[in-house]
Amino acid sequence: QHVRVGKAAGLTDAEIRQIQTGPGDPRWTDFERGLLRAADQLHRQASIDDAVWNVLKSRYNQNQLMDVVVTVGQYNLVS
């Protein structure tokens, strides 16, 4: 299911495999790494630390930041 949705959103097979290695993979940009860390932190502890939040804030506006939180929260709710 997730692979199908990811591909429909434009992810390549290589990117999907790379997601499995997590945010420590050196091929991610700092921002992409921040998004992965945000999802991991929200899933594990229901919060995002300041360092990751600041990475996201460097590129996202307030609405987009809230979308990150809501998206992970919604996933946790239905899964």
N, C-alpha and C. Protein backbone atom coordinates (compact mmCIF):
# COMPACT_ATOMS: atom_id res chain seq x y z
N GLN A 1 0.82 -1.19 0.00
CA GLN A 1 0.00 0.00 0.00
C GLN A 1 0.87 1.26 0.00
N HIS A 2 1.84 1.32 0.92
CA HIS A 2 2.67 2.52 1.02
C HIS A 2 3.54 2.72 -0.22
N VAL A 3 4.04 1.63 -0.77
CA VAL A 3 4.86 1.73 -1.98
C VAL A 3 4.01 2.25 -3.13
N ARG A 4 2.81 1.73 -3.27
CA ARG A 4 1.92 2.18 -4.35
C ARG A 4 1.62 3.67 -4.22
N VAL A 5 1.29 4.11 -3.01
CA VAL A 5 0.99 5.52 -2.79
C VAL A 5 2.24 6.38 -3.03
N GLY A 6 3.39 5.90 -2.55
CA GLY A 6 4.63 6.64 -2.77
C GLY A 6 4.96 6.80 -4.23
N LYS A 7 4.78 5.74 -4.99
CA LYS A 7 5.04 5.82 -6.43
C LYS A 7 4.06 6.78 -7.11
N ALA A 8 2.81 6.74 -6.68
CA ALA A 8 1.81 7.66 -7.25
C ALA A 8 2.16 9.11 -6.94
N ALA A 9 2.86 9.33 -5.82
CA ALA A 9 3.28 10.68 -5.45
C ALA A 9 4.58 11.08 -6.13
N GLY A 10 5.19 10.15 -6.87
CA GLY A 10 6.39 10.48 -7.63
C GLY A 10 7.68 9.94 -7.07
N LEU A 11 7.63 9.14 -6.00
CA LEU A 11 8.87 8.54 -5.48
C LEU A 11 9.37 7.46 -6.43
N THR A 12 10.67 7.39 -6.56
CA THR A 12 11.28 6.35 -7.39
C THR A 12 11.50 5.10 -6.55
N ASP A 13 11.77 3.98 -7.21
CA ASP A 13 12.09 2.75 -6.49
C ASP A 13 13.31 2.96 -5.59
N ALA A 14 14.30 3.69 -6.08
CA ALA A 14 15.51 3.95 -5.29
C ALA A 14 15.18 4.77 -4.04
N GLU A 15 14.33 5.77 -4.17
CA GLU A 15 13.95 6.58 -3.02
C GLU A 15 13.16 5.75 -2.00
N ILE A 16 12.31 4.87 -2.48
CA ILE A 16 11.53 4.01 -1.58
C ILE A 16 12.48 3.11 -0.80
N ARG A 17 13.47 2.53 -1.47
CA ARG A 17 14.47 1.71 -0.77
C ARG A 17 15.27 2.56 0.22
N GLN A 18 15.58 3.77 -0.17
CA GLN A 18 16.37 4.68 0.67
C GLN A 18 15.61 5.04 1.95
N ILE A 19 14.30 5.16 1.87
CA ILE A 19 13.48 5.46 3.05
C ILE A 19 13.69 4.40 4.11
N GLN A 20 13.84 3.16 3.67
CA GLN A 20 14.01 2.06 4.61
C GLN A 20 15.30 2.16 5.41
N THR A 21 16.29 2.87 4.88
CA THR A 21 17.55 3.02 5.60
C THR A 21 17.46 4.13 6.64
N GLY A 22 16.44 4.97 6.55
CA GLY A 22 16.21 6.00 7.54
C GLY A 22 16.96 7.29 7.28
N PRO A 23 16.81 8.22 8.24
CA PRO A 23 17.38 9.56 8.04
C PRO A 23 18.91 9.61 8.08
N GLY A 24 19.56 8.54 8.51
CA GLY A 24 21.02 8.54 8.53
C GLY A 24 21.67 8.32 7.18
N ASP A 25 20.87 7.97 6.18
CA ASP A 25 21.41 7.74 4.84
C ASP A 25 21.98 9.05 4.30
N PRO A 26 23.23 9.05 3.86
CA PRO A 26 23.88 10.29 3.41
C PRO A 26 23.32 10.86 2.12
N ARG A 27 22.50 10.11 1.43
CA ARG A 27 21.94 10.62 0.17
C ARG A 27 20.81 11.62 0.40
N TRP A 28 20.24 11.66 1.61
CA TRP A 28 19.17 12.62 1.88
C TRP A 28 19.74 14.02 2.02
N THR A 29 18.98 15.01 1.60
CA THR A 29 19.35 16.39 1.89
C THR A 29 19.06 16.64 3.38
N ASP A 30 19.57 17.73 3.91
CA ASP A 30 19.29 18.06 5.31
C ASP A 30 17.79 18.18 5.56
N PHE A 31 17.08 18.78 4.63
CA PHE A 31 15.64 18.95 4.81
C PHE A 31 14.91 17.61 4.76
N GLU A 32 15.25 16.77 3.80
CA GLU A 32 14.62 15.45 3.71
C GLU A 32 14.90 14.63 4.97
N ARG A 33 16.12 14.73 5.46
CA ARG A 33 16.50 14.04 6.69
C ARG A 33 15.65 14.56 7.85
N GLY A 34 15.41 15.87 7.87
CA GLY A 34 14.56 16.46 8.90
C GLY A 34 13.14 15.95 8.85
N LEU A 35 12.60 15.82 7.64
CA LEU A 35 11.24 15.28 7.51
C LEU A 35 11.15 13.85 8.03
N LEU A 36 12.13 13.04 7.68
CA LEU A 36 12.14 11.66 8.17
C LEU A 36 12.28 11.61 9.69
N ARG A 37 13.13 12.45 10.22
CA ARG A 37 13.30 12.49 11.68
C ARG A 37 12.03 12.98 12.36
N ALA A 38 11.37 13.96 11.76
CA ALA A 38 10.11 14.45 12.34
C ALA A 38 9.08 13.33 12.39
N ALA A 39 8.94 12.59 11.31
CA ALA A 39 7.97 11.49 11.28
C ALA A 39 8.33 10.44 12.33
N ASP A 40 9.61 10.10 12.44
CA ASP A 40 10.04 9.11 13.43
C ASP A 40 9.76 9.61 14.85
N GLN A 41 10.11 10.87 15.12
CA GLN A 41 9.90 11.40 16.46
C GLN A 41 8.42 11.50 16.82
N LEU A 42 7.61 11.96 15.90
CA LEU A 42 6.18 12.04 16.16
C LEU A 42 5.59 10.67 16.41
N HIS A 43 6.03 9.70 15.65
CA HIS A 43 5.51 8.34 15.81
C HIS A 43 5.93 7.75 17.16
N ARG A 44 7.18 7.97 17.53
CA ARG A 44 7.71 7.35 18.75
C ARG A 44 7.35 8.09 20.03
N GLN A 45 7.37 9.44 19.97
CA GLN A 45 7.23 10.19 21.22
C GLN A 45 6.19 11.30 21.15
N ALA A 46 5.47 11.40 20.04
CA ALA A 46 4.41 12.40 19.87
C ALA A 46 4.91 13.83 20.02
N SER A 47 6.17 14.06 19.67
CA SER A 47 6.72 15.41 19.68
C SER A 47 7.92 15.47 18.73
N ILE A 48 8.29 16.70 18.38
CA ILE A 48 9.45 16.93 17.51
C ILE A 48 10.42 17.80 18.29
N ASP A 49 11.69 17.41 18.33
CA ASP A 49 12.65 18.23 19.07
C ASP A 49 12.95 19.53 18.32
N ASP A 50 13.53 20.47 19.04
CA ASP A 50 13.77 21.80 18.48
C ASP A 50 14.68 21.78 17.26
N ALA A 51 15.69 20.93 17.26
CA ALA A 51 16.62 20.89 16.13
C ALA A 51 15.91 20.49 14.85
N VAL A 52 15.08 19.46 14.94
CA VAL A 52 14.34 19.00 13.75
C VAL A 52 13.29 20.04 13.35
N TRP A 53 12.60 20.60 14.34
CA TRP A 53 11.58 21.62 14.05
C TRP A 53 12.21 22.80 13.31
N ASN A 54 13.39 23.21 13.72
CA ASN A 54 14.07 24.34 13.07
C ASN A 54 14.46 24.02 11.63
N VAL A 55 14.84 22.77 11.37
CA VAL A 55 15.12 22.36 9.98
C VAL A 55 13.85 22.51 9.14
N LEU A 56 12.74 22.02 9.66
CA LEU A 56 11.47 22.13 8.91
C LEU A 56 11.05 23.58 8.75
N LYS A 57 11.24 24.37 9.80
CA LYS A 57 10.87 25.79 9.77
C LYS A 57 11.67 26.58 8.75
N SER A 58 12.86 26.09 8.41
CA SER A 58 13.70 26.81 7.45
C SER A 58 13.07 26.81 6.05
N ARG A 59 12.12 25.91 5.83
CA ARG A 59 11.54 25.79 4.49
C ARG A 59 10.01 25.82 4.48
N TYR A 60 9.39 25.42 5.57
CA TYR A 60 7.93 25.32 5.62
C TYR A 60 7.33 26.49 6.37
N ASN A 61 6.15 26.93 5.91
CA ASN A 61 5.40 27.94 6.64
C ASN A 61 4.59 27.25 7.75
N GLN A 62 3.87 28.04 8.54
CA GLN A 62 3.15 27.49 9.70
C GLN A 62 2.14 26.42 9.29
N ASN A 63 1.42 26.65 8.20
CA ASN A 63 0.44 25.66 7.74
C ASN A 63 1.10 24.35 7.34
N GLN A 64 2.22 24.45 6.65
CA GLN A 64 2.94 23.24 6.23
C GLN A 64 3.51 22.49 7.43
N LEU A 65 3.99 23.23 8.43
CA LEU A 65 4.48 22.59 9.65
C LEU A 65 3.36 21.81 10.33
N MET A 66 2.19 22.40 10.39
CA MET A 66 1.06 21.72 11.02
C MET A 66 0.62 20.51 10.19
N ASP A 67 0.76 20.61 8.87
CA ASP A 67 0.45 19.46 8.01
C ASP A 67 1.35 18.26 8.34
N VAL A 68 2.61 18.51 8.64
CA VAL A 68 3.51 17.42 9.02
C VAL A 68 2.98 16.72 10.27
N VAL A 69 2.65 17.52 11.28
CA VAL A 69 2.16 16.97 12.54
C VAL A 69 0.85 16.22 12.34
N VAL A 70 -0.08 16.82 11.61
CA VAL A 70 -1.39 16.20 11.40
C VAL A 70 -1.28 14.93 10.57
N THR A 71 -0.44 14.93 9.57
CA THR A 71 -0.28 13.75 8.71
C THR A 71 0.22 12.55 9.51
N VAL A 72 1.25 12.76 10.32
CA VAL A 72 1.77 11.66 11.13
C VAL A 72 0.74 11.26 12.20
N GLY A 73 0.09 12.25 12.80
CA GLY A 73 -0.92 11.94 13.80
C GLY A 73 -2.07 11.14 13.22
N GLN A 74 -2.52 11.50 12.04
CA GLN A 74 -3.61 10.78 11.40
C GLN A 74 -3.19 9.34 11.08
N TYR A 75 -1.97 9.18 10.61
CA TYR A 75 -1.48 7.83 10.34
C TYR A 75 -1.48 6.98 11.61
N ASN A 76 -0.98 7.57 12.70
CA ASN A 76 -0.95 6.84 13.97
C ASN A 76 -2.37 6.48 14.42
N LEU A 77 -3.30 7.36 14.18
CA LEU A 77 -4.68 7.15 14.61
C LEU A 77 -5.33 5.98 13.87
N VAL A 78 -5.09 5.87 12.58
CA VAL A 78 -5.79 4.85 11.79
C VAL A 78 -5.02 3.55 11.63
N SER A 79 -3.76 3.52 12.05
CA SER A 79 -2.99 2.29 11.85
C SER A 79 -2.89 1.45 13.11
